[in-house]
Protein backbone atom coordinates (compact mmCIF):
# COMPACT_ATOMS: atom_id res chain seq x y z
CA MET A 1 1.05 97.02 -18.97
CA SER A 2 1.21 94.40 -21.73
CA LYS A 3 0.73 97.20 -24.28
CA MET A 4 3.90 98.87 -23.02
CA LYS A 5 5.82 95.61 -23.20
CA GLU A 6 4.85 95.15 -26.85
CA ASN A 7 6.30 98.56 -27.74
CA PHE A 8 9.46 98.14 -25.69
CA PRO A 9 12.42 98.05 -28.15
CA PHE A 10 14.58 95.08 -27.23
CA VAL A 11 16.31 92.35 -29.23
CA ALA A 12 17.86 89.93 -26.76
CA PRO A 13 20.48 88.25 -29.01
CA LEU A 14 21.78 91.62 -30.21
CA PHE A 15 21.86 93.02 -26.68
CA LEU A 16 23.81 90.02 -25.39
CA LYS A 17 26.41 90.37 -28.15
CA VAL A 18 26.84 94.07 -27.44
CA LEU A 19 26.99 93.41 -23.68
CA ALA A 20 29.68 90.76 -24.17
CA ALA A 21 31.76 93.18 -26.26
CA THR A 22 31.27 95.94 -23.70
CA LEU A 23 32.25 93.73 -20.76
CA THR A 24 35.36 92.66 -22.69
CA LEU A 25 36.32 96.31 -23.05
CA VAL A 26 35.62 96.87 -19.35
CA LEU A 27 37.96 94.00 -18.45
CA ILE A 28 40.67 95.46 -20.67
CA GLY A 29 40.13 98.82 -18.96
CA PHE A 30 40.43 97.16 -15.54
CA ALA A 31 43.68 95.49 -16.59
CA ILE A 32 45.09 98.83 -17.71
CA ALA A 33 43.90 100.54 -14.51
CA LEU A 34 45.49 97.80 -12.39
CA LYS A 35 48.76 98.20 -14.27
CA VAL A 36 48.76 102.00 -13.92
CA TYR A 37 47.25 102.51 -10.45
CA GLY A 38 47.80 99.13 -8.80
CA GLU A 39 44.28 98.73 -7.45
CA ILE A 40 40.57 98.84 -8.28
CA THR A 41 37.93 99.61 -5.68
CA ARG A 42 34.50 98.05 -5.29
CA VAL A 43 32.94 101.32 -6.43
CA ASP A 44 34.84 101.06 -9.73
CA ILE A 45 33.49 97.56 -10.31
CA PHE A 46 29.85 98.37 -9.50
CA GLY A 47 29.92 101.61 -11.45
CA SER A 48 31.47 99.92 -14.46
CA LEU A 49 28.91 97.11 -14.44
CA ILE A 50 25.96 99.49 -14.22
CA SER A 51 27.42 101.76 -16.89
CA ALA A 52 28.18 98.77 -19.13
CA VAL A 53 24.55 97.64 -19.08
CA VAL A 54 23.24 101.14 -19.85
CA PHE A 55 25.85 101.68 -22.59
CA SER A 56 25.11 98.25 -24.09
CA TYR A 57 21.41 98.99 -24.25
CA MET A 58 22.03 102.34 -25.98
CA VAL A 59 24.35 100.74 -28.54
CA HIS A 60 21.80 97.92 -28.98
CA LEU A 61 19.15 100.54 -29.82
CA TRP A 62 21.50 102.14 -32.33
CA LEU A 63 22.26 98.81 -34.05
CA MET A 64 18.73 97.43 -33.85
CA PRO A 65 17.03 96.92 -37.21
CA SER A 66 14.48 99.60 -37.95
CA GLU A 67 10.76 98.90 -38.29
CA GLU A 68 10.95 99.96 -41.96
CA ASP A 69 13.23 97.04 -42.96
């Protein structure tokens, strides 16, 4: 198990920056949705939070420095 953890690509400071930017965009999207539709359901909130974490991790992988650097 520790061998897998060593190979797991994750840079915490970068992920947190990307997550903060993503959650900011989610909040802006919620504000627009509230203005247009007048309400947001619990499903929208949970789905957005789960999607934000997955999206942030994918962007984090894209921005992560390569092993060759």
